[in-house]
Structures are given as structure tokens and as C-alpha cells.
């Protein structure tokens, strides 16, 4: 995924239409979606499933996905922390509004507690990392070097403490699991057919041919019975193939 993004970023620019004076419009949309998602979370939440322990996310995730991720909220929930929350993180970093930035970090903690996806917990720090990295010098070599340094640090942590959880979280979950799952998504849905959004926004028009979610299907396919969610490349291919 990172390589694909980098290649698009360094090749010929693609022009897309933009709104004039779009900042206020985007700000309003972002606030609205976040408030709608938060309101729905607190209305539907059973707080016995609210969890802040990264080691217990797999215990809670299946239940929270059933409660929160259905119909249009399957998208709104994801957009709230993958799009609109990121927007505010970047804006408040650029404008140096650190108290508001702190509130967004707390918001990500709340999202993590409800949705039980570990990457939500790390997303604000990833944005902060990229902001610091590319604020001074836009050099992809520095980025790769820092990633290698990160791997070495957590591997050393495992060697000296014999605690594998956080090392696994950083090295295995970030660098090995996503590409492996990407190929498994391509492998499974190329052989069994695409779902064309029949599990979500087009469920009223197209019949969903499975009895469990796509993430659970892949979890069973790789024989871990996990909730194997993955990148936009995986979900995009799952819905409509290369298109």
C-alpha cells in the first residue's frame, strides 16, 4: 500500500475538481459526520463492550462490529476516524492549536474503545510522525530508514524482555499481516466472485451470498477465525475486482 501511494505521489499529478472556498464546507461536513457517529455510538452502545486494553480487542471486536457497523454506518464509522478525524489532526497541527489537538487524541481513544481496532489507537501518532518527518525535508529515504530503526527497536525489546506482544503488534501486524491479507483477499474473491457492496449500501438491491461478514470469511479462509479486516486495496478488490 505504501509503495503504491508513493508511486502515485511521485508520478504525473492527476487533476480533480475542487470546491471554491472549500475549507468551511469540509470543516462543516467533518464536524457533522463525527457528531452523528458519536451520537449513534452512545445511543447503541452497551458499555460492557467498551474496551481500552489492546490485548483484548479480538474478544470485543466481533460484538462491537455487529452493534455499530451496519448499513450506511459501516462507512460513516470508518470515515469518521480514517478521513474526518485525520483532517482535524492535520489542521490543528498546522495551526498549532494544541488543546484542540489533544481533544482529537482523546476522541481517537474513545473510537478505539468502541470499535476495538488497534490501528485506531495508533493513527494520531502516525499522522504526527509524518508531519514531523515531512515538515522539514520531503525525503522518502528518511522514512524508510526510520521504519527500519523502529523494527530494530521493537525486536531488541523482545530480545531483552521476552515480551512478544508489542513487538508482534509493530513488526508482524504492520509489516507482514497487511500484505499477506491483501493476497488472501485477491485469491479468495477472484475464485469465488465479488460482492459488489451487497453487504452494505447496496444490500437492498443486490443479495449478499454469504452468511457472515467478508472479514470473517477471510478469517476462516486463512484458518485463524479472526476478523481479518485489511486495506482499501483489499476491500476495493473484494467489491468489484480491479475496477
C-alpha atoms as a PDB file:
ATOM      1  CA  UNK A   1       0.000   0.000   0.000  1.00  0.00           C
ATOM      2  CA  UNK A   2       2.750   2.439   0.970  1.00  0.00           C
ATOM      3  CA  UNK A   3       4.645   1.763  -2.262  1.00  0.00           C
ATOM      4  CA  UNK A   4       1.501   2.259  -4.347  1.00  0.00           C
ATOM      5  CA  UNK A   5       0.752   5.578  -2.630  1.00  0.00           C
ATOM      6  CA  UNK A   6       4.357   6.688  -3.095  1.00  0.00           C
ATOM      7  CA  UNK A   7       4.346   5.812  -6.816  1.00  0.00           C
ATOM      8  CA  UNK A   8       1.149   7.787  -7.391  1.00  0.00           C
ATOM      9  CA  UNK A   9       2.556  10.661  -5.403  1.00  0.00           C
ATOM     10  CA  UNK A  10       5.786  10.876  -7.421  1.00  0.00           C
ATOM     11  CA  UNK A  11       4.345  10.376 -10.917  1.00  0.00           C
ATOM     12  CA  UNK A  12       2.281  12.760 -13.036  1.00  0.00           C
ATOM     13  CA  UNK A  13      -0.280  14.650 -10.997  1.00  0.00           C
ATOM     14  CA  UNK A  14      -3.970  13.860 -11.508  1.00  0.00           C
ATOM     15  CA  UNK A  15      -6.218  16.930 -11.621  1.00  0.00           C
ATOM     16  CA  UNK A  16      -9.507  16.624  -9.781  1.00  0.00           C
ATOM     17  CA  UNK A  17     -12.261  19.248  -9.373  1.00  0.00           C
ATOM     18  CA  UNK A  18     -12.316  21.179  -6.093  1.00  0.00           C
ATOM     19  CA  UNK A  19     -14.800  23.417  -4.315  1.00  0.00           C
ATOM     20  CA  UNK A  20     -14.007  27.088  -4.188  1.00  0.00           C
ATOM     21  CA  UNK A  21     -13.590  28.288  -0.603  1.00  0.00           C
ATOM     22  CA  UNK A  22     -13.875  24.642   0.422  1.00  0.00           C
ATOM     23  CA  UNK A  23     -12.330  24.875   3.915  1.00  0.00           C
ATOM     24  CA  UNK A  24     -15.543  25.915   5.693  1.00  0.00           C
ATOM     25  CA  UNK A  25     -17.541  23.322   3.750  1.00  0.00           C
ATOM     26  CA  UNK A  26     -15.140  20.487   4.616  1.00  0.00           C
ATOM     27  CA  UNK A  27     -15.000  21.648   8.235  1.00  0.00           C
ATOM     28  CA  UNK A  28     -18.805  21.565   8.495  1.00  0.00           C
ATOM     29  CA  UNK A  29     -19.059  18.119   6.868  1.00  0.00           C
ATOM     30  CA  UNK A  30     -16.309  16.731   9.116  1.00  0.00           C
ATOM     31  CA  UNK A  31     -17.911  18.024  12.319  1.00  0.00           C
ATOM     32  CA  UNK A  32     -21.337  16.764  11.233  1.00  0.00           C
ATOM     33  CA  UNK A  33     -20.184  13.219  10.444  1.00  0.00           C
ATOM     34  CA  UNK A  34     -18.161  12.951  13.663  1.00  0.00           C
ATOM     35  CA  UNK A  35     -21.100  14.150  15.778  1.00  0.00           C
ATOM     36  CA  UNK A  36     -23.529  11.772  14.007  1.00  0.00           C
ATOM     37  CA  UNK A  37     -21.164   8.830  14.586  1.00  0.00           C
ATOM     38  CA  UNK A  38     -20.577   9.745  18.238  1.00  0.00           C
ATOM     39  CA  UNK A  39     -24.303  10.166  18.837  1.00  0.00           C
ATOM     40  CA  UNK A  40     -25.022   6.761  17.280  1.00  0.00           C
ATOM     41  CA  UNK A  41     -22.240   5.148  19.335  1.00  0.00           C
ATOM     42  CA  UNK A  42     -23.599   6.389  22.650  1.00  0.00           C
ATOM     43  CA  UNK A  43     -27.196   5.573  21.680  1.00  0.00           C
ATOM     44  CA  UNK A  44     -26.444   1.977  20.612  1.00  0.00           C
ATOM     45  CA  UNK A  45     -23.541   1.254  22.950  1.00  0.00           C
ATOM     46  CA  UNK A  46     -23.561  -1.476  25.522  1.00  0.00           C
ATOM     47  CA  UNK A  47     -20.722  -0.207  27.691  1.00  0.00           C
ATOM     48  CA  UNK A  48     -19.714  -3.685  28.795  1.00  0.00           C
ATOM     49  CA  UNK A  49     -18.122  -3.901  25.322  1.00  0.00           C
ATOM     50  CA  UNK A  50     -16.170  -0.648  25.731  1.00  0.00           C
ATOM     51  CA  UNK A  51     -12.540  -1.732  25.948  1.00  0.00           C
ATOM     52  CA  UNK A  52      -9.223   0.148  26.188  1.00  0.00           C
ATOM     53  CA  UNK A  53      -6.946  -2.877  26.532  1.00  0.00           C
ATOM     54  CA  UNK A  54      -5.141  -3.628  23.197  1.00  0.00           C
ATOM     55  CA  UNK A  55      -4.667  -7.245  24.278  1.00  0.00           C
ATOM     56  CA  UNK A  56      -8.432  -7.839  24.436  1.00  0.00           C
ATOM     57  CA  UNK A  57      -9.591  -6.308  21.147  1.00  0.00           C
ATOM     58  CA  UNK A  58     -10.320  -9.664  19.475  1.00  0.00           C
ATOM     59  CA  UNK A  59     -12.615 -10.638  22.345  1.00  0.00           C
ATOM     60  CA  UNK A  60     -14.727  -7.498  21.913  1.00  0.00           C
ATOM     61  CA  UNK A  61     -14.475  -6.712  18.184  1.00  0.00           C
ATOM     62  CA  UNK A  62     -16.964  -9.257  16.854  1.00  0.00           C
ATOM     63  CA  UNK A  63     -19.667  -7.925  19.172  1.00  0.00           C
ATOM     64  CA  UNK A  64     -18.932  -4.248  18.515  1.00  0.00           C
ATOM     65  CA  UNK A  65     -18.952  -4.773  14.732  1.00  0.00           C
ATOM     66  CA  UNK A  66     -22.425  -6.316  14.954  1.00  0.00           C
ATOM     67  CA  UNK A  67     -23.669  -3.405  17.081  1.00  0.00           C
ATOM     68  CA  UNK A  68     -22.177  -0.491  15.152  1.00  0.00           C
ATOM     69  CA  UNK A  69     -21.205  -1.465  11.588  1.00  0.00           C
ATOM     70  CA  UNK A  70     -24.355  -1.888   9.547  1.00  0.00           C
ATOM     71  CA  UNK A  71     -25.908  -0.101   6.542  1.00  0.00           C
ATOM     72  CA  UNK A  72     -24.529   3.395   5.987  1.00  0.00           C
ATOM     73  CA  UNK A  73     -22.784   3.397   9.383  1.00  0.00           C
ATOM     74  CA  UNK A  74     -20.390   0.732   8.085  1.00  0.00           C
ATOM     75  CA  UNK A  75     -18.972   3.618   6.066  1.00  0.00           C
ATOM     76  CA  UNK A  76     -19.647   6.613   8.310  1.00  0.00           C
ATOM     77  CA  UNK A  77     -17.916   4.955  11.260  1.00  0.00           C
ATOM     78  CA  UNK A  78     -14.798   4.253   9.211  1.00  0.00           C
ATOM     79  CA  UNK A  79     -14.783   7.673   7.556  1.00  0.00           C
ATOM     80  CA  UNK A  80     -15.016   9.376  10.938  1.00  0.00           C
ATOM     81  CA  UNK A  81     -11.568   8.224  12.074  1.00  0.00           C
ATOM     82  CA  UNK A  82      -9.916   7.495   8.698  1.00  0.00           C
ATOM     83  CA  UNK A  83     -10.931  10.731   6.962  1.00  0.00           C
ATOM     84  CA  UNK A  84     -12.510  13.419   9.113  1.00  0.00           C
ATOM     85  CA  UNK A  85     -10.519  12.800  12.288  1.00  0.00           C
ATOM     86  CA  UNK A  86      -7.326  12.841  10.203  1.00  0.00           C
ATOM     87  CA  UNK A  87      -8.441  16.152   8.673  1.00  0.00           C
ATOM     88  CA  UNK A  88      -8.714  17.753  12.113  1.00  0.00           C
ATOM     89  CA  UNK A  89      -5.409  16.274  13.256  1.00  0.00           C
ATOM     90  CA  UNK A  90      -3.641  17.854  10.285  1.00  0.00           C
ATOM     91  CA  UNK A  91      -5.432  21.210  10.567  1.00  0.00           C
ATOM     92  CA  UNK A  92      -4.761  21.570  14.294  1.00  0.00           C
ATOM     93  CA  UNK A  93      -1.120  20.547  13.811  1.00  0.00           C
ATOM     94  CA  UNK A  94      -0.613  23.140  11.081  1.00  0.00           C
ATOM     95  CA  UNK A  95      -2.422  25.852  13.047  1.00  0.00           C
ATOM     96  CA  UNK A  96      -0.624  24.815  16.281  1.00  0.00           C
ATOM     97  CA  UNK A  97      -3.894  24.533  18.210  1.00  0.00           C
ATOM     98  CA  UNK A  98      -2.545  22.030  20.698  1.00  0.00           C
ATOM     99  CA  UNK A  99      -5.514  21.899  23.082  1.00  0.00           C
ATOM    100  CA  UNK A 100      -7.862  21.035  20.199  1.00  0.00           C
ATOM    101  CA  UNK A 101      -5.273  18.527  19.020  1.00  0.00           C
ATOM    102  CA  UNK A 102      -5.330  16.942  22.482  1.00  0.00           C
ATOM    103  CA  UNK A 103      -9.138  16.669  22.264  1.00  0.00           C
ATOM    104  CA  UNK A 104      -8.853  14.847  18.920  1.00  0.00           C
ATOM    105  CA  UNK A 105      -6.380  12.423  20.509  1.00  0.00           C
ATOM    106  CA  UNK A 106      -8.988  11.758  23.233  1.00  0.00           C
ATOM    107  CA  UNK A 107     -11.605  11.273  20.522  1.00  0.00           C
ATOM    108  CA  UNK A 108      -9.429   8.576  18.938  1.00  0.00           C
ATOM    109  CA  UNK A 109      -9.180   6.903  22.328  1.00  0.00           C
ATOM    110  CA  UNK A 110     -12.999   6.828  22.500  1.00  0.00           C
ATOM    111  CA  UNK A 111     -13.217   5.425  18.958  1.00  0.00           C
ATOM    112  CA  UNK A 112     -10.714   2.739  19.887  1.00  0.00           C
ATOM    113  CA  UNK A 113     -12.728   1.820  22.974  1.00  0.00           C
ATOM    114  CA  UNK A 114     -15.902   1.372  20.942  1.00  0.00           C
ATOM    115  CA  UNK A 115     -14.602  -0.197  17.705  1.00  0.00           C
ATOM    116  CA  UNK A 116     -11.694  -2.261  19.132  1.00  0.00           C
ATOM    117  CA  UNK A 117      -9.345  -1.870  16.177  1.00  0.00           C
ATOM    118  CA  UNK A 118      -5.746  -1.390  17.269  1.00  0.00           C
ATOM    119  CA  UNK A 119      -4.809   0.800  14.322  1.00  0.00           C
ATOM    120  CA  UNK A 120      -7.255   3.473  15.556  1.00  0.00           C
ATOM    121  CA  UNK A 121      -5.127   3.875  18.658  1.00  0.00           C
ATOM    122  CA  UNK A 122      -2.010   4.471  16.550  1.00  0.00           C
ATOM    123  CA  UNK A 123      -3.463   6.678  13.804  1.00  0.00           C
ATOM    124  CA  UNK A 124      -2.916  10.051  15.587  1.00  0.00           C
ATOM    125  CA  UNK A 125       0.702   9.113  16.266  1.00  0.00           C
ATOM    126  CA  UNK A 126       1.181   8.083  12.626  1.00  0.00           C
ATOM    127  CA  UNK A 127      -0.120  11.496  11.488  1.00  0.00           C
ATOM    128  CA  UNK A 128       2.175  13.210  13.991  1.00  0.00           C
ATOM    129  CA  UNK A 129       5.091  11.083  12.768  1.00  0.00           C
ATOM    130  CA  UNK A 130       4.528  12.019   9.123  1.00  0.00           C
ATOM    131  CA  UNK A 131       4.031  15.681   9.998  1.00  0.00           C
ATOM    132  CA  UNK A 132       7.377  15.833  11.815  1.00  0.00           C
ATOM    133  CA  UNK A 133       9.109  13.747   9.133  1.00  0.00           C
ATOM    134  CA  UNK A 134       7.991  15.717   6.081  1.00  0.00           C
ATOM    135  CA  UNK A 135       7.683  19.154   7.652  1.00  0.00           C
ATOM    136  CA  UNK A 136      11.389  19.858   7.216  1.00  0.00           C
ATOM    137  CA  UNK A 137      12.504  17.714   4.288  1.00  0.00           C
ATOM    138  CA  UNK A 138      10.396  15.619   1.966  1.00  0.00           C
ATOM    139  CA  UNK A 139      12.725  12.635   1.720  1.00  0.00           C
ATOM    140  CA  UNK A 140      11.316   9.131   1.359  1.00  0.00           C
ATOM    141  CA  UNK A 141      14.710   7.649   2.265  1.00  0.00           C
ATOM    142  CA  UNK A 142      14.411   9.103   5.774  1.00  0.00           C
ATOM    143  CA  UNK A 143      11.003   7.473   6.105  1.00  0.00           C
ATOM    144  CA  UNK A 144      12.313   4.023   5.159  1.00  0.00           C
ATOM    145  CA  UNK A 145      15.305   4.441   7.495  1.00  0.00           C
ATOM    146  CA  UNK A 146      13.042   5.331  10.408  1.00  0.00           C
ATOM    147  CA  UNK A 147      10.850   2.301   9.729  1.00  0.00           C
ATOM    148  CA  UNK A 148      13.903   0.041   9.836  1.00  0.00           C
ATOM    149  CA  UNK A 149      15.005   1.725  13.048  1.00  0.00           C
ATOM    150  CA  UNK A 150      11.535   1.122  14.521  1.00  0.00           C
ATOM    151  CA  UNK A 151      11.742  -2.577  13.628  1.00  0.00           C
ATOM    152  CA  UNK A 152      15.159  -2.878  15.285  1.00  0.00           C
ATOM    153  CA  UNK A 153      13.977  -1.137  18.457  1.00  0.00           C
ATOM    154  CA  UNK A 154      10.983  -3.433  18.953  1.00  0.00           C
ATOM    155  CA  UNK A 155      12.946  -6.548  18.050  1.00  0.00           C
ATOM    156  CA  UNK A 156      15.561  -5.574  20.647  1.00  0.00           C
ATOM    157  CA  UNK A 157      12.727  -5.016  23.138  1.00  0.00           C
ATOM    158  CA  UNK A 158      11.608  -8.610  22.581  1.00  0.00           C
ATOM    159  CA  UNK A 159      15.153  -9.978  22.920  1.00  0.00           C
ATOM    160  CA  UNK A 160      15.785  -8.201  26.218  1.00  0.00           C
ATOM    161  CA  UNK A 161      12.356  -8.552  27.868  1.00  0.00           C
ATOM    162  CA  UNK A 162      10.902 -11.713  26.255  1.00  0.00           C
ATOM    163  CA  UNK A 163       7.622  -9.754  25.869  1.00  0.00           C
ATOM    164  CA  UNK A 164       6.404 -10.509  22.357  1.00  0.00           C
ATOM    165  CA  UNK A 165       3.012  -8.740  22.289  1.00  0.00           C
ATOM    166  CA  UNK A 166       4.173  -5.206  21.409  1.00  0.00           C
ATOM    167  CA  UNK A 167       6.914  -6.469  19.098  1.00  0.00           C
ATOM    168  CA  UNK A 168       4.315  -8.566  17.291  1.00  0.00           C
ATOM    169  CA  UNK A 169       1.955  -5.592  17.184  1.00  0.00           C
ATOM    170  CA  UNK A 170       4.523  -3.399  15.444  1.00  0.00           C
ATOM    171  CA  UNK A 171       6.534  -5.808  13.278  1.00  0.00           C
ATOM    172  CA  UNK A 172       4.057  -8.580  12.435  1.00  0.00           C
ATOM    173  CA  UNK A 173       0.806  -6.592  12.377  1.00  0.00           C
ATOM    174  CA  UNK A 174       2.126  -3.572  10.488  1.00  0.00           C
ATOM    175  CA  UNK A 175       4.644  -5.071   8.066  1.00  0.00           C
ATOM    176  CA  UNK A 176       3.606  -8.693   7.477  1.00  0.00           C
ATOM    177  CA  UNK A 177      -0.133  -9.156   8.082  1.00  0.00           C
ATOM    178  CA  UNK A 178      -1.488  -6.435   5.703  1.00  0.00           C
ATOM    179  CA  UNK A 179       0.355  -7.649   2.568  1.00  0.00           C
ATOM    180  CA  UNK A 180      -0.443 -11.279   3.420  1.00  0.00           C
ATOM    181  CA  UNK A 181      -4.140 -10.459   3.828  1.00  0.00           C
ATOM    182  CA  UNK A 182      -4.143  -8.431   0.607  1.00  0.00           C
ATOM    183  CA  UNK A 183      -3.080 -11.508  -1.351  1.00  0.00           C
ATOM    184  CA  UNK A 184      -5.612 -13.667   0.501  1.00  0.00           C
ATOM    185  CA  UNK A 185      -8.430 -11.244  -0.405  1.00  0.00           C
ATOM    186  CA  UNK A 186      -7.325 -11.293  -4.047  1.00  0.00           C
ATOM    187  CA  UNK A 187      -7.038 -15.064  -4.003  1.00  0.00           C
ATOM    188  CA  UNK A 188     -10.418 -15.751  -2.388  1.00  0.00           C
ATOM    189  CA  UNK A 189     -12.603 -13.236  -4.242  1.00  0.00           C
ATOM    190  CA  UNK A 190     -11.008 -13.908  -7.640  1.00  0.00           C
ATOM    191  CA  UNK A 191     -12.053 -17.543  -7.224  1.00  0.00           C
ATOM    192  CA  UNK A 192     -15.448 -17.017  -5.552  1.00  0.00           C
ATOM    193  CA  UNK A 193     -16.726 -13.828  -7.162  1.00  0.00           C
ATOM    194  CA  UNK A 194     -17.083 -10.226  -5.986  1.00  0.00           C
ATOM    195  CA  UNK A 195     -19.764  -8.932  -3.636  1.00  0.00           C
ATOM    196  CA  UNK A 196     -20.465  -5.506  -5.220  1.00  0.00           C
ATOM    197  CA  UNK A 197     -21.293  -3.744  -1.924  1.00  0.00           C
ATOM    198  CA  UNK A 198     -24.126  -6.216  -1.268  1.00  0.00           C
ATOM    199  CA  UNK A 199     -23.008  -6.391   2.386  1.00  0.00           C
ATOM    200  CA  UNK A 200     -23.624  -2.683   2.970  1.00  0.00           C
ATOM    201  CA  UNK A 201     -25.012   0.219   0.901  1.00  0.00           C
ATOM    202  CA  UNK A 202     -26.371  -1.930  -1.962  1.00  0.00           C
ATOM    203  CA  UNK A 203     -27.818  -4.640   0.272  1.00  0.00           C
ATOM    204  CA  UNK A 204     -31.331  -3.599  -0.768  1.00  0.00           C
ATOM    205  CA  UNK A 205     -30.515  -4.100  -4.465  1.00  0.00           C
ATOM    206  CA  UNK A 206     -28.049  -7.000  -4.512  1.00  0.00           C
ATOM    207  CA  UNK A 207     -28.388 -10.181  -2.473  1.00  0.00           C
ATOM    208  CA  UNK A 208     -25.393 -10.911  -0.262  1.00  0.00           C
ATOM    209  CA  UNK A 209     -24.413 -14.529  -0.940  1.00  0.00           C
ATOM    210  CA  UNK A 210     -22.631 -15.255   2.348  1.00  0.00           C
ATOM    211  CA  UNK A 211     -23.947 -15.702   5.890  1.00  0.00           C
ATOM    212  CA  UNK A 212     -21.042 -13.958   7.633  1.00  0.00           C
ATOM    213  CA  UNK A 213     -19.110 -10.732   7.035  1.00  0.00           C
ATOM    214  CA  UNK A 214     -16.309 -10.629   4.429  1.00  0.00           C
ATOM    215  CA  UNK A 215     -13.764 -10.103   7.215  1.00  0.00           C
ATOM    216  CA  UNK A 216     -14.933 -13.291   8.948  1.00  0.00           C
ATOM    217  CA  UNK A 217     -14.911 -15.140   5.608  1.00  0.00           C
ATOM    218  CA  UNK A 218     -11.219 -14.333   5.143  1.00  0.00           C
ATOM    219  CA  UNK A 219     -10.549 -15.198   8.785  1.00  0.00           C
ATOM    220  CA  UNK A 220     -11.997 -18.662   8.173  1.00  0.00           C
ATOM    221  CA  UNK A 221     -10.230 -18.900   4.812  1.00  0.00           C
ATOM    222  CA  UNK A 222      -6.803 -18.439   6.436  1.00  0.00           C
ATOM    223  CA  UNK A 223      -7.924 -20.780   9.276  1.00  0.00           C
ATOM    224  CA  UNK A 224      -7.477 -18.284  12.118  1.00  0.00           C
ATOM    225  CA  UNK A 225     -11.216 -17.498  12.578  1.00  0.00           C
ATOM    226  CA  UNK A 226     -10.144 -13.887  13.092  1.00  0.00           C
ATOM    227  CA  UNK A 227     -11.888 -10.714  11.938  1.00  0.00           C
ATOM    228  CA  UNK A 228      -9.459 -10.165   9.053  1.00  0.00           C
ATOM    229  CA  UNK A 229     -10.132  -6.575   8.037  1.00  0.00           C
ATOM    230  CA  UNK A 230      -7.496  -5.026   5.789  1.00  0.00           C
ATOM    231  CA  UNK A 231      -6.581  -2.142   3.488  1.00  0.00           C
ATOM    232  CA  UNK A 232      -8.546  -0.178   0.902  1.00  0.00           C
ATOM    233  CA  UNK A 233      -6.900  -2.315  -1.795  1.00  0.00           C
ATOM    234  CA  UNK A 234      -8.336  -5.488  -0.251  1.00  0.00           C
ATOM    235  CA  UNK A 235     -11.843  -4.119   0.285  1.00  0.00           C
ATOM    236  CA  UNK A 236     -11.863  -2.466  -3.145  1.00  0.00           C
ATOM    237  CA  UNK A 237     -10.942  -5.722  -4.878  1.00  0.00           C
ATOM    238  CA  UNK A 238     -13.454  -7.616  -2.749  1.00  0.00           C
ATOM    239  CA  UNK A 239     -16.287  -5.409  -4.032  1.00  0.00           C
ATOM    240  CA  UNK A 240     -15.519  -5.006  -7.739  1.00  0.00           C
ATOM    241  CA  UNK A 241     -12.161  -6.541  -8.598  1.00  0.00           C
ATOM    242  CA  UNK A 242      -9.599  -4.428 -10.411  1.00  0.00           C
ATOM    243  CA  UNK A 243     -12.211  -1.768 -11.139  1.00  0.00           C
END
